[in-house]
């Protein structure tokens, strides 16, 4: 009889520990928090990789500018918008993008359409 009571108490203790563990895993500091931290880590790793690529590109660009006078000249001319004698520069307008917010809605009431009357 004493051994069966002991078994029941052990089972109850394991059930309580299991219930407590389950409640902690499902709580705000449990698995959702871990998942959010993993996502944040993944995002920061991607950002670090992008920054590393950018740094490598800039390092290569600096080396190229240090070693090549023609690259230096092109960069200076581009930054200062300088031209050599006899050169012509063409400045093209940037293509305009249609602004959707200024156009009247096509699906609105036809009576609200300000169409000119032809008399």
PDB file of N, CA and C in Angstrom:
ATOM      1  N   UNK A   1       0.812  -1.177   0.000  1.00  0.00           N
ATOM      2  CA  UNK A   1       0.000   0.000   0.000  1.00  0.00           C
ATOM      3  C   UNK A   1       0.861   1.250   0.000  1.00  0.00           C
ATOM      4  N   UNK A   2       1.909   1.218   0.766  1.00  0.00           N
ATOM      5  CA  UNK A   2       2.786   2.378   0.829  1.00  0.00           C
ATOM      6  C   UNK A   2       3.481   2.600  -0.501  1.00  0.00           C
ATOM      7  N   UNK A   3       3.802   1.537  -1.221  1.00  0.00           N
ATOM      8  CA  UNK A   3       4.474   1.695  -2.512  1.00  0.00           C
ATOM      9  C   UNK A   3       3.528   2.280  -3.556  1.00  0.00           C
ATOM     10  N   UNK A   4       2.246   1.948  -3.492  1.00  0.00           N
ATOM     11  CA  UNK A   4       1.298   2.512  -4.453  1.00  0.00           C
ATOM     12  C   UNK A   4       1.074   4.003  -4.176  1.00  0.00           C
ATOM     13  N   UNK A   5       1.072   4.401  -2.906  1.00  0.00           N
ATOM     14  CA  UNK A   5       0.944   5.820  -2.547  1.00  0.00           C
ATOM     15  C   UNK A   5       2.184   6.566  -3.030  1.00  0.00           C
ATOM     16  N   UNK A   6       3.331   5.946  -2.877  1.00  0.00           N
ATOM     17  CA  UNK A   6       4.576   6.554  -3.322  1.00  0.00           C
ATOM     18  C   UNK A   6       4.559   6.747  -4.839  1.00  0.00           C
ATOM     19  N   UNK A   7       4.074   5.752  -5.566  1.00  0.00           N
ATOM     20  CA  UNK A   7       3.999   5.837  -7.031  1.00  0.00           C
ATOM     21  C   UNK A   7       3.050   6.962  -7.461  1.00  0.00           C
ATOM     22  N   UNK A   8       1.926   7.061  -6.780  1.00  0.00           N
ATOM     23  CA  UNK A   8       0.960   8.109  -7.102  1.00  0.00           C
ATOM     24  C   UNK A   8       1.572   9.482  -6.829  1.00  0.00           C
ATOM     25  N   UNK A   9       2.269   9.630  -5.719  1.00  0.00           N
ATOM     26  CA  UNK A   9       2.906  10.908  -5.400  1.00  0.00           C
ATOM     27  C   UNK A   9       3.987  11.256  -6.427  1.00  0.00           C
ATOM     28  N   UNK A  10       4.748  10.262  -6.850  1.00  0.00           N
ATOM     29  CA  UNK A  10       5.777  10.492  -7.868  1.00  0.00           C
ATOM     30  C   UNK A  10       5.124  10.906  -9.190  1.00  0.00           C
ATOM     31  N   UNK A  11       4.043  10.230  -9.565  1.00  0.00           N
ATOM     32  CA  UNK A  11       3.329  10.584 -10.794  1.00  0.00           C
ATOM     33  C   UNK A  11       2.755  11.995 -10.716  1.00  0.00           C
ATOM     34  N   UNK A  12       2.202  12.344  -9.568  1.00  0.00           N
ATOM     35  CA  UNK A  12       1.664  13.695  -9.379  1.00  0.00           C
ATOM     36  C   UNK A  12       2.779  14.727  -9.470  1.00  0.00           C
ATOM     37  N   UNK A  13       3.925  14.427  -8.843  1.00  0.00           N
ATOM     38  CA  UNK A  13       5.060  15.356  -8.904  1.00  0.00           C
ATOM     39  C   UNK A  13       5.537  15.535 -10.341  1.00  0.00           C
ATOM     40  N   UNK A  14       5.670  14.429 -11.107  1.00  0.00           N
ATOM     41  CA  UNK A  14       6.081  14.532 -12.508  1.00  0.00           C
ATOM     42  C   UNK A  14       5.047  15.311 -13.325  1.00  0.00           C
ATOM     43  N   UNK A  15       3.770  15.089 -13.057  1.00  0.00           N
ATOM     44  CA  UNK A  15       2.713  15.804 -13.781  1.00  0.00           C
ATOM     45  C   UNK A  15       2.782  17.296 -13.489  1.00  0.00           C
ATOM     46  N   UNK A  16       3.013  17.647 -12.207  1.00  0.00           N
ATOM     47  CA  UNK A  16       3.123  19.066 -11.852  1.00  0.00           C
ATOM     48  C   UNK A  16       4.346  19.707 -12.513  1.00  0.00           C
ATOM     49  N   UNK A  17       5.479  19.006 -12.492  1.00  0.00           N
ATOM     50  CA  UNK A  17       6.691  19.531 -13.137  1.00  0.00           C
ATOM     51  C   UNK A  17       6.468  19.673 -14.638  1.00  0.00           C
ATOM     52  N   UNK A  18       5.821  18.682 -15.243  1.00  0.00           N
ATOM     53  CA  UNK A  18       5.524  18.751 -16.678  1.00  0.00           C
ATOM     54  C   UNK A  18       4.583  19.891 -17.013  1.00  0.00           C
ATOM     55  N   UNK A  19       3.534  20.084 -16.205  1.00  0.00           N
ATOM     56  CA  UNK A  19       2.586  21.175 -16.429  1.00  0.00           C
ATOM     57  C   UNK A  19       3.278  22.530 -16.281  1.00  0.00           C
ATOM     58  N   UNK A  20       4.153  22.646 -15.274  1.00  0.00           N
ATOM     59  CA  UNK A  20       4.888  23.895 -15.076  1.00  0.00           C
ATOM     60  C   UNK A  20       5.815  24.162 -16.263  1.00  0.00           C
ATOM     61  N   UNK A  21       6.509  23.132 -16.715  1.00  0.00           N
ATOM     62  CA  UNK A  21       7.408  23.285 -17.863  1.00  0.00           C
ATOM     63  C   UNK A  21       6.648  23.674 -19.114  1.00  0.00           C
ATOM     64  N   UNK A  22       5.512  23.039 -19.346  1.00  0.00           N
ATOM     65  CA  UNK A  22       4.691  23.363 -20.509  1.00  0.00           C
ATOM     66  C   UNK A  22       4.182  24.801 -20.442  1.00  0.00           C
ATOM     67  N   UNK A  23       3.763  25.214 -19.245  1.00  0.00           N
ATOM     68  CA  UNK A  23       3.270  26.594 -19.112  1.00  0.00           C
ATOM     69  C   UNK A  23       4.404  27.598 -19.342  1.00  0.00           C
ATOM     70  N   UNK A  24       5.600  27.273 -18.921  1.00  0.00           N
ATOM     71  CA  UNK A  24       6.731  28.172 -19.139  1.00  0.00           C
ATOM     72  C   UNK A  24       7.129  28.229 -20.614  1.00  0.00           C
ATOM     73  N   UNK A  25       7.050  27.102 -21.316  1.00  0.00           N
ATOM     74  CA  UNK A  25       7.393  27.094 -22.742  1.00  0.00           C
ATOM     75  C   UNK A  25       6.385  27.880 -23.567  1.00  0.00           C
ATOM     76  N   UNK A  26       5.117  27.844 -23.174  1.00  0.00           N
ATOM     77  CA  UNK A  26       4.080  28.545 -23.930  1.00  0.00           C
ATOM     78  C   UNK A  26       3.924  29.990 -23.480  1.00  0.00           C
ATOM     79  N   UNK A  27       4.534  30.402 -22.414  1.00  0.00           N
ATOM     80  CA  UNK A  27       4.390  31.753 -21.893  1.00  0.00           C
ATOM     81  C   UNK A  27       5.165  32.773 -22.725  1.00  0.00           C
ATOM     82  N   UNK A  28       5.084  34.032 -22.343  1.00  0.00           N
ATOM     83  CA  UNK A  28       5.730  35.093 -23.120  1.00  0.00           C
ATOM     84  C   UNK A  28       7.257  34.996 -23.136  1.00  0.00           C
ATOM     85  N   UNK A  29       7.850  34.349 -22.167  1.00  0.00           N
ATOM     86  CA  UNK A  29       9.307  34.188 -22.144  1.00  0.00           C
ATOM     87  C   UNK A  29       9.738  32.823 -22.660  1.00  0.00           C
ATOM     88  N   UNK A  30       8.813  32.071 -23.216  1.00  0.00           N
ATOM     89  CA  UNK A  30       9.113  30.711 -23.673  1.00  0.00           C
ATOM     90  C   UNK A  30       9.466  30.666 -25.149  1.00  0.00           C
ATOM     91  N   UNK A  31       8.819  29.745 -25.862  1.00  0.00           N
ATOM     92  CA  UNK A  31       9.117  29.514 -27.273  1.00  0.00           C
ATOM     93  C   UNK A  31       8.866  30.723 -28.169  1.00  0.00           C
ATOM     94  N   UNK A  32       7.809  31.519 -27.963  1.00  0.00           N
ATOM     95  CA  UNK A  32       7.641  32.707 -28.808  1.00  0.00           C
ATOM     96  C   UNK A  32       8.815  33.683 -28.694  1.00  0.00           C
ATOM     97  N   UNK A  33       9.339  33.852 -27.499  1.00  0.00           N
ATOM     98  CA  UNK A  33      10.477  34.750 -27.316  1.00  0.00           C
ATOM     99  C   UNK A  33      11.721  34.195 -27.999  1.00  0.00           C
ATOM    100  N   UNK A  34      11.911  32.890 -27.919  1.00  0.00           N
ATOM    101  CA  UNK A  34      13.060  32.262 -28.571  1.00  0.00           C
ATOM    102  C   UNK A  34      12.944  32.408 -30.088  1.00  0.00           C
ATOM    103  N   UNK A  35      11.750  32.183 -30.618  1.00  0.00           N
ATOM    104  CA  UNK A  35      11.519  32.316 -32.063  1.00  0.00           C
ATOM    105  C   UNK A  35      11.793  33.752 -32.519  1.00  0.00           C
ATOM    106  N   UNK A  36      11.337  34.724 -31.732  1.00  0.00           N
ATOM    107  CA  UNK A  36      11.569  36.131 -32.071  1.00  0.00           C
ATOM    108  C   UNK A  36      13.064  36.461 -32.032  1.00  0.00           C
ATOM    109  N   UNK A  37      13.773  35.926 -31.065  1.00  0.00           N
ATOM    110  CA  UNK A  37      15.215  36.169 -30.988  1.00  0.00           C
ATOM    111  C   UNK A  37      15.936  35.536 -32.168  1.00  0.00           C
ATOM    112  N   UNK A  38      15.498  34.355 -32.597  1.00  0.00           N
ATOM    113  CA  UNK A  38      16.108  33.720 -33.774  1.00  0.00           C
ATOM    114  C   UNK A  38      15.886  34.576 -35.018  1.00  0.00           C
ATOM    115  N   UNK A  39      14.682  35.113 -35.177  1.00  0.00           N
ATOM    116  CA  UNK A  39      14.396  35.975 -36.328  1.00  0.00           C
ATOM    117  C   UNK A  39      15.260  37.236 -36.287  1.00  0.00           C
ATOM    118  N   UNK A  40      15.407  37.796 -35.102  1.00  0.00           N
ATOM    119  CA  UNK A  40      16.238  38.993 -34.960  1.00  0.00           C
ATOM    120  C   UNK A  40      17.701  38.673 -35.277  1.00  0.00           C
ATOM    121  N   UNK A  41      18.171  37.535 -34.820  1.00  0.00           N
ATOM    122  CA  UNK A  41      19.551  37.118 -35.115  1.00  0.00           C
ATOM    123  C   UNK A  41      19.727  36.930 -36.614  1.00  0.00           C
ATOM    124  N   UNK A  42      18.772  36.269 -37.266  1.00  0.00           N
ATOM    125  CA  UNK A  42      18.852  36.045 -38.713  1.00  0.00           C
ATOM    126  C   UNK A  42      18.875  37.385 -39.464  1.00  0.00           C
ATOM    127  N   UNK A  43      18.036  38.333 -39.030  1.00  0.00           N
ATOM    128  CA  UNK A  43      17.987  39.647 -39.667  1.00  0.00           C
ATOM    129  C   UNK A  43      19.316  40.388 -39.478  1.00  0.00           C
ATOM    130  N   UNK A  44      19.867  40.326 -38.286  1.00  0.00           N
ATOM    131  CA  UNK A  44      21.138  41.002 -38.029  1.00  0.00           C
ATOM    132  C   UNK A  44      22.289  40.352 -38.802  1.00  0.00           C
ATOM    133  N   UNK A  45      22.242  39.025 -38.955  1.00  0.00           N
ATOM    134  CA  UNK A  45      23.271  38.352 -39.746  1.00  0.00           C
ATOM    135  C   UNK A  45      23.195  38.770 -41.208  1.00  0.00           C
ATOM    136  N   UNK A  46      21.976  38.896 -41.744  1.00  0.00           N
ATOM    137  CA  UNK A  46      21.815  39.357 -43.122  1.00  0.00           C
ATOM    138  C   UNK A  46      22.332  40.788 -43.275  1.00  0.00           C
ATOM    139  N   UNK A  47      22.014  41.631 -42.301  1.00  0.00           N
ATOM    140  CA  UNK A  47      22.484  43.013 -42.345  1.00  0.00           C
ATOM    141  C   UNK A  47      24.014  43.063 -42.282  1.00  0.00           C
ATOM    142  N   UNK A  48      24.599  42.232 -41.435  1.00  0.00           N
ATOM    143  CA  UNK A  48      26.062  42.173 -41.352  1.00  0.00           C
ATOM    144  C   UNK A  48      26.668  41.715 -42.672  1.00  0.00           C
ATOM    145  N   UNK A  49      26.050  40.723 -43.305  1.00  0.00           N
ATOM    146  CA  UNK A  49      26.562  40.238 -44.590  1.00  0.00           C
ATOM    147  C   UNK A  49      26.477  41.334 -45.651  1.00  0.00           C
ATOM    148  N   UNK A  50      25.369  42.076 -45.666  1.00  0.00           N
ATOM    149  CA  UNK A  50      25.241  43.183 -46.622  1.00  0.00           C
ATOM    150  C   UNK A  50      26.286  44.259 -46.372  1.00  0.00           C
ATOM    151  N   UNK A  51      26.495  44.587 -45.114  1.00  0.00           N
ATOM    152  CA  UNK A  51      27.497  45.599 -44.779  1.00  0.00           C
ATOM    153  C   UNK A  51      28.903  45.120 -45.133  1.00  0.00           C
ATOM    154  N   UNK A  52      29.175  43.841 -44.945  1.00  0.00           N
ATOM    155  CA  UNK A  52      30.481  43.284 -45.302  1.00  0.00           C
ATOM    156  C   UNK A  52      30.708  43.372 -46.810  1.00  0.00           C
ATOM    157  N   UNK A  53      29.662  43.043 -47.590  1.00  0.00           N
ATOM    158  CA  UNK A  53      29.778  43.164 -49.053  1.00  0.00           C
ATOM    159  C   UNK A  53      30.031  44.609 -49.460  1.00  0.00           C
ATOM    160  N   UNK A  54      29.321  45.533 -48.817  1.00  0.00           N
ATOM    161  CA  UNK A  54      29.504  46.949 -49.121  1.00  0.00           C
ATOM    162  C   UNK A  54      30.919  47.395 -48.764  1.00  0.00           C
ATOM    163  N   UNK A  55      31.421  46.953 -47.620  1.00  0.00           N
ATOM    164  CA  UNK A  55      32.791  47.297 -47.223  1.00  0.00           C
ATOM    165  C   UNK A  55      33.809  46.744 -48.214  1.00  0.00           C
ATOM    166  N   UNK A  56      33.604  45.498 -48.642  1.00  0.00           N
ATOM    167  CA  UNK A  56      34.525  44.900 -49.621  1.00  0.00           C
ATOM    168  C   UNK A  56      34.512  45.683 -50.932  1.00  0.00           C
ATOM    169  N   UNK A  57      33.306  46.059 -51.375  1.00  0.00           N
ATOM    170  CA  UNK A  57      33.201  46.837 -52.610  1.00  0.00           C
ATOM    171  C   UNK A  57      33.937  48.156 -52.466  1.00  0.00           C
ATOM    172  N   UNK A  58      33.739  48.839 -51.348  1.00  0.00           N
ATOM    173  CA  UNK A  58      34.391  50.141 -51.151  1.00  0.00           C
ATOM    174  C   UNK A  58      35.902  49.994 -51.022  1.00  0.00           C
ATOM    175  N   UNK A  59      36.361  48.929 -50.363  1.00  0.00           N
ATOM    176  CA  UNK A  59      37.808  48.687 -50.272  1.00  0.00           C
ATOM    177  C   UNK A  59      38.410  48.489 -51.660  1.00  0.00           C
ATOM    178  N   UNK A  60      37.736  47.670 -52.480  1.00  0.00           N
ATOM    179  CA  UNK A  60      38.210  47.442 -53.846  1.00  0.00           C
ATOM    180  C   UNK A  60      38.201  48.736 -54.651  1.00  0.00           C
ATOM    181  N   UNK A  61      37.151  49.529 -54.475  1.00  0.00           N
ATOM    182  CA  UNK A  61      37.055  50.803 -55.196  1.00  0.00           C
ATOM    183  C   UNK A  61      38.185  51.743 -54.788  1.00  0.00           C
ATOM    184  N   UNK A  62      38.499  51.797 -53.505  1.00  0.00           N
ATOM    185  CA  UNK A  62      39.594  52.649 -53.013  1.00  0.00           C
ATOM    186  C   UNK A  62      40.921  52.173 -53.587  1.00  0.00           C
ATOM    187  N   UNK A  63      41.138  50.861 -53.581  1.00  0.00           N
ATOM    188  CA  UNK A  63      42.385  50.332 -54.150  1.00  0.00           C
ATOM    189  C   UNK A  63      42.500  50.679 -55.626  1.00  0.00           C
ATOM    190  N   UNK A  64      41.378  50.558 -56.337  1.00  0.00           N
ATOM    191  CA  UNK A  64      41.377  50.872 -57.764  1.00  0.00           C
ATOM    192  C   UNK A  64      41.686  52.347 -57.986  1.00  0.00           C
ATOM    193  N   UNK A  65      41.095  53.217 -57.154  1.00  0.00           N
ATOM    194  CA  UNK A  65      41.346  54.654 -57.289  1.00  0.00           C
ATOM    195  C   UNK A  65      42.786  55.011 -56.928  1.00  0.00           C
ATOM    196  N   UNK A  66      43.359  54.320 -55.943  1.00  0.00           N
ATOM    197  CA  UNK A  66      44.740  54.604 -55.552  1.00  0.00           C
ATOM    198  C   UNK A  66      45.731  54.172 -56.626  1.00  0.00           C
ATOM    199  N   UNK A  67      45.424  53.114 -57.346  1.00  0.00           N
ATOM    200  CA  UNK A  67      46.396  52.564 -58.284  1.00  0.00           C
ATOM    201  C   UNK A  67      46.227  53.065 -59.719  1.00  0.00           C
ATOM    202  N   UNK A  68      45.089  53.636 -60.052  1.00  0.00           N
ATOM    203  CA  UNK A  68      44.835  54.005 -61.441  1.00  0.00           C
ATOM    204  C   UNK A  68      44.530  55.500 -61.565  1.00  0.00           C
ATOM    205  N   UNK A  69      45.434  56.256 -62.201  1.00  0.00           N
ATOM    206  CA  UNK A  69      45.170  57.685 -62.396  1.00  0.00           C
ATOM    207  C   UNK A  69      43.951  57.940 -63.289  1.00  0.00           C
ATOM    208  N   UNK A  70      43.700  57.070 -64.254  1.00  0.00           N
ATOM    209  CA  UNK A  70      42.534  57.276 -65.116  1.00  0.00           C
ATOM    210  C   UNK A  70      41.232  57.107 -64.327  1.00  0.00           C
ATOM    211  N   UNK A  71      41.210  56.158 -63.395  1.00  0.00           N
ATOM    212  CA  UNK A  71      40.029  56.001 -62.536  1.00  0.00           C
ATOM    213  C   UNK A  71      39.855  57.233 -61.653  1.00  0.00           C
ATOM    214  N   UNK A  72      40.970  57.767 -61.149  1.00  0.00           N
ATOM    215  CA  UNK A  72      40.897  58.972 -60.327  1.00  0.00           C
ATOM    216  C   UNK A  72      40.304  60.119 -61.128  1.00  0.00           C
ATOM    217  N   UNK A  73      40.781  60.277 -62.354  1.00  0.00           N
ATOM    218  CA  UNK A  73      40.297  61.366 -63.194  1.00  0.00           C
ATOM    219  C   UNK A  73      38.810  61.220 -63.478  1.00  0.00           C
ATOM    220  N   UNK A  74      38.382  60.003 -63.809  1.00  0.00           N
ATOM    221  CA  UNK A  74      36.962  59.786 -64.076  1.00  0.00           C
ATOM    222  C   UNK A  74      36.100  60.097 -62.848  1.00  0.00           C
ATOM    223  N   UNK A  75      36.566  59.672 -61.689  1.00  0.00           N
ATOM    224  CA  UNK A  75      35.807  59.910 -60.461  1.00  0.00           C
ATOM    225  C   UNK A  75      35.733  61.406 -60.155  1.00  0.00           C
ATOM    226  N   UNK A  76      36.837  62.104 -60.311  1.00  0.00           N
ATOM    227  CA  UNK A  76      36.855  63.548 -60.045  1.00  0.00           C
ATOM    228  C   UNK A  76      35.948  64.277 -61.029  1.00  0.00           C
ATOM    229  N   UNK A  77      36.035  63.911 -62.297  1.00  0.00           N
ATOM    230  CA  UNK A  77      35.206  64.564 -63.305  1.00  0.00           C
ATOM    231  C   UNK A  77      33.726  64.292 -63.059  1.00  0.00           C
ATOM    232  N   UNK A  78      33.426  63.095 -62.615  1.00  0.00           N
ATOM    233  CA  UNK A  78      32.031  62.751 -62.337  1.00  0.00           C
ATOM    234  C   UNK A  78      31.515  63.525 -61.122  1.00  0.00           C
ATOM    235  N   UNK A  79      32.301  63.587 -60.061  1.00  0.00           N
ATOM    236  CA  UNK A  79      31.866  64.275 -58.840  1.00  0.00           C
ATOM    237  C   UNK A  79      31.739  65.776 -59.049  1.00  0.00           C
ATOM    238  N   UNK A  80      32.713  66.361 -59.732  1.00  0.00           N
ATOM    239  CA  UNK A  80      32.719  67.812 -59.917  1.00  0.00           C
ATOM    240  C   UNK A  80      32.014  68.245 -61.201  1.00  0.00           C
ATOM    241  N   UNK A  81      31.547  67.288 -61.977  1.00  0.00           N
ATOM    242  CA  UNK A  81      30.860  67.551 -63.240  1.00  0.00           C
ATOM    243  C   UNK A  81      31.715  68.427 -64.159  1.00  0.00           C
ATOM    244  N   UNK A  82      32.967  68.023 -64.310  1.00  0.00           N
ATOM    245  CA  UNK A  82      33.896  68.752 -65.162  1.00  0.00           C
ATOM    246  C   UNK A  82      33.933  68.119 -66.551  1.00  0.00           C
ATOM    247  N   UNK A  83      34.230  68.943 -67.551  1.00  0.00           N
ATOM    248  CA  UNK A  83      34.363  68.481 -68.919  1.00  0.00           C
ATOM    249  C   UNK A  83      35.708  68.919 -69.463  1.00  0.00           C
ATOM    250  N   UNK A  84      36.238  68.122 -70.355  1.00  0.00           N
ATOM    251  CA  UNK A  84      37.453  68.512 -71.066  1.00  0.00           C
ATOM    252  C   UNK A  84      37.063  69.472 -72.180  1.00  0.00           C
ATOM    253  N   UNK A  85      38.012  70.274 -72.648  1.00  0.00           N
ATOM    254  CA  UNK A  85      37.699  71.173 -73.758  1.00  0.00           C
ATOM    255  C   UNK A  85      37.235  70.363 -74.973  1.00  0.00           C
ATOM    256  N   UNK A  86      36.129  70.785 -75.547  1.00  0.00           N
ATOM    257  CA  UNK A  86      35.598  70.119 -76.721  1.00  0.00           C
ATOM    258  C   UNK A  86      34.569  69.046 -76.399  1.00  0.00           C
ATOM    259  N   UNK A  87      34.413  68.666 -75.144  1.00  0.00           N
ATOM    260  CA  UNK A  87      33.425  67.669 -74.778  1.00  0.00           C
ATOM    261  C   UNK A  87      32.064  68.326 -74.583  1.00  0.00           C
ATOM    262  N   UNK A  88      31.025  67.576 -74.879  1.00  0.00           N
ATOM    263  CA  UNK A  88      29.662  68.057 -74.698  1.00  0.00           C
ATOM    264  C   UNK A  88      28.946  67.123 -73.728  1.00  0.00           C
ATOM    265  N   UNK A  89      28.234  67.717 -72.801  1.00  0.00           N
ATOM    266  CA  UNK A  89      27.491  66.927 -71.820  1.00  0.00           C
ATOM    267  C   UNK A  89      26.007  67.058 -72.105  1.00  0.00           C
ATOM    268  N   UNK A  90      25.326  65.938 -72.104  1.00  0.00           N
ATOM    269  CA  UNK A  90      23.886  65.921 -72.300  1.00  0.00           C
ATOM    270  C   UNK A  90      23.226  65.541 -70.981  1.00  0.00           C
ATOM    271  N   UNK A  91      22.308  66.362 -70.540  1.00  0.00           N
ATOM    272  CA  UNK A  91      21.569  66.085 -69.314  1.00  0.00           C
ATOM    273  C   UNK A  91      20.149  65.738 -69.713  1.00  0.00           C
ATOM    274  N   UNK A  92      19.778  64.505 -69.476  1.00  0.00           N
ATOM    275  CA  UNK A  92      18.453  64.028 -69.843  1.00  0.00           C
ATOM    276  C   UNK A  92      17.528  64.116 -68.641  1.00  0.00           C
ATOM    277  N   UNK A  93      16.274  64.500 -68.872  1.00  0.00           N
ATOM    278  CA  UNK A  93      15.333  64.544 -67.737  1.00  0.00           C
ATOM    279  C   UNK A  93      15.003  63.133 -67.288  1.00  0.00           C
ATOM    280  N   UNK A  94      14.773  63.015 -66.005  1.00  0.00           N
ATOM    281  CA  UNK A  94      14.406  61.712 -65.465  1.00  0.00           C
ATOM    282  C   UNK A  94      12.970  61.410 -65.873  1.00  0.00           C
ATOM    283  N   UNK A  95      12.684  60.164 -66.206  1.00  0.00           N
ATOM    284  CA  UNK A  95      11.306  59.839 -66.600  1.00  0.00           C
ATOM    285  C   UNK A  95      10.358  60.059 -65.428  1.00  0.00           C
ATOM    286  N   UNK A  96       9.247  60.716 -65.712  1.00  0.00           N
ATOM    287  CA  UNK A  96       8.292  60.991 -64.637  1.00  0.00           C
ATOM    288  C   UNK A  96       7.416  59.764 -64.417  1.00  0.00           C
ATOM    289  N   UNK A  97       7.109  59.524 -63.171  1.00  0.00           N
ATOM    290  CA  UNK A  97       6.257  58.401 -62.801  1.00  0.00           C
ATOM    291  C   UNK A  97       4.844  58.929 -62.611  1.00  0.00           C
ATOM    292  N   UNK A  98       3.849  58.230 -63.132  1.00  0.00           N
ATOM    293  CA  UNK A  98       2.476  58.717 -62.957  1.00  0.00           C
ATOM    294  C   UNK A  98       2.088  58.663 -61.490  1.00  0.00           C
ATOM    295  N   UNK A  99       1.520  59.754 -61.021  1.00  0.00           N
ATOM    296  CA  UNK A  99       1.109  59.849 -59.619  1.00  0.00           C
ATOM    297  C   UNK A  99      -0.346  59.404 -59.513  1.00  0.00           C
ATOM    298  N   UNK A 100      -0.574  58.281 -58.878  1.00  0.00           N
ATOM    299  CA  UNK A 100      -1.908  57.694 -58.785  1.00  0.00           C
ATOM    300  C   UNK A 100      -2.826  58.501 -57.865  1.00  0.00           C
ATOM    301  N   UNK A 101      -2.268  59.211 -56.889  1.00  0.00           N
ATOM    302  CA  UNK A 101      -3.112  59.908 -55.921  1.00  0.00           C
ATOM    303  C   UNK A 101      -3.775  61.141 -56.527  1.00  0.00           C
ATOM    304  N   UNK A 102      -3.220  61.724 -57.590  1.00  0.00           N
ATOM    305  CA  UNK A 102      -3.790  62.930 -58.172  1.00  0.00           C
ATOM    306  C   UNK A 102      -4.817  62.636 -59.252  1.00  0.00           C
ATOM    307  N   UNK A 103      -4.856  61.409 -59.749  1.00  0.00           N
ATOM    308  CA  UNK A 103      -5.805  61.055 -60.792  1.00  0.00           C
ATOM    309  C   UNK A 103      -7.155  60.750 -60.161  1.00  0.00           C
ATOM    310  N   UNK A 104      -8.257  61.182 -60.808  1.00  0.00           N
ATOM    311  CA  UNK A 104      -9.583  60.870 -60.245  1.00  0.00           C
ATOM    312  C   UNK A 104      -9.858  59.382 -60.363  1.00  0.00           C
ATOM    313  N   UNK A 105     -10.650  58.903 -59.471  1.00  0.00           N
ATOM    314  CA  UNK A 105     -10.979  57.476 -59.457  1.00  0.00           C
ATOM    315  C   UNK A 105     -11.878  57.168 -60.641  1.00  0.00           C
ATOM    316  N   UNK A 106     -11.600  56.099 -61.363  1.00  0.00           N
ATOM    317  CA  UNK A 106     -12.363  55.721 -62.542  1.00  0.00           C
ATOM    318  C   UNK A 106     -13.628  54.958 -62.169  1.00  0.00           C
ATOM    319  N   UNK A 107     -13.651  54.327 -61.016  1.00  0.00           N
ATOM    320  CA  UNK A 107     -14.783  53.505 -60.609  1.00  0.00           C
ATOM    321  C   UNK A 107     -15.815  54.293 -59.809  1.00  0.00           C
ATOM    322  N   UNK A 108     -15.673  55.604 -59.746  1.00  0.00           N
ATOM    323  CA  UNK A 108     -16.590  56.388 -58.929  1.00  0.00           C
ATOM    324  C   UNK A 108     -17.893  56.639 -59.681  1.00  0.00           C
ATOM    325  N   UNK A 109     -18.774  57.361 -59.059  1.00  0.00           N
ATOM    326  CA  UNK A 109     -20.086  57.665 -59.606  1.00  0.00           C
ATOM    327  C   UNK A 109     -19.944  58.459 -60.905  1.00  0.00           C
ATOM    328  N   UNK A 110     -20.590  58.023 -61.997  1.00  0.00           N
ATOM    329  CA  UNK A 110     -20.445  58.745 -63.264  1.00  0.00           C
ATOM    330  C   UNK A 110     -21.027  60.144 -63.216  1.00  0.00           C
ATOM    331  N   UNK A 111     -21.964  60.417 -62.320  1.00  0.00           N
ATOM    332  CA  UNK A 111     -22.525  61.766 -62.236  1.00  0.00           C
ATOM    333  C   UNK A 111     -21.526  62.745 -61.643  1.00  0.00           C
ATOM    334  N   UNK A 112     -20.507  62.229 -60.930  1.00  0.00           N
ATOM    335  CA  UNK A 112     -19.503  63.096 -60.339  1.00  0.00           C
ATOM    336  C   UNK A 112     -18.398  63.417 -61.329  1.00  0.00           C
ATOM    337  N   UNK A 113     -18.411  62.804 -62.521  1.00  0.00           N
ATOM    338  CA  UNK A 113     -17.385  63.028 -63.520  1.00  0.00           C
ATOM    339  C   UNK A 113     -17.600  64.383 -64.173  1.00  0.00           C
ATOM    340  N   UNK A 114     -16.625  65.285 -64.077  1.00  0.00           N
ATOM    341  CA  UNK A 114     -16.799  66.624 -64.629  1.00  0.00           C
ATOM    342  C   UNK A 114     -16.534  66.642 -66.142  1.00  0.00           C
ATOM    343  N   UNK A 115     -17.351  65.958 -66.930  1.00  0.00           N
ATOM    344  CA  UNK A 115     -17.198  65.948 -68.378  1.00  0.00           C
ATOM    345  C   UNK A 115     -17.859  67.177 -68.968  1.00  0.00           C
ATOM    346  N   UNK A 116     -17.200  67.804 -69.951  1.00  0.00           N
ATOM    347  CA  UNK A 116     -17.802  69.022 -70.547  1.00  0.00           C
ATOM    348  C   UNK A 116     -19.028  68.656 -71.367  1.00  0.00           C
ATOM    349  N   UNK A 117     -20.019  69.493 -71.259  1.00  0.00           N
ATOM    350  CA  UNK A 117     -21.256  69.291 -72.023  1.00  0.00           C
ATOM    351  C   UNK A 117     -21.058  69.868 -73.412  1.00  0.00           C
ATOM    352  N   UNK A 118     -21.480  69.133 -74.406  1.00  0.00           N
ATOM    353  CA  UNK A 118     -21.380  69.633 -75.785  1.00  0.00           C
ATOM    354  C   UNK A 118     -22.760  70.086 -76.208  1.00  0.00           C
ATOM    355  N   UNK A 119     -22.949  71.398 -76.351  1.00  0.00           N
ATOM    356  CA  UNK A 119     -24.248  71.956 -76.734  1.00  0.00           C
ATOM    357  C   UNK A 119     -24.200  72.581 -78.083  1.00  0.00           C
TER     358      UNK A 119
END
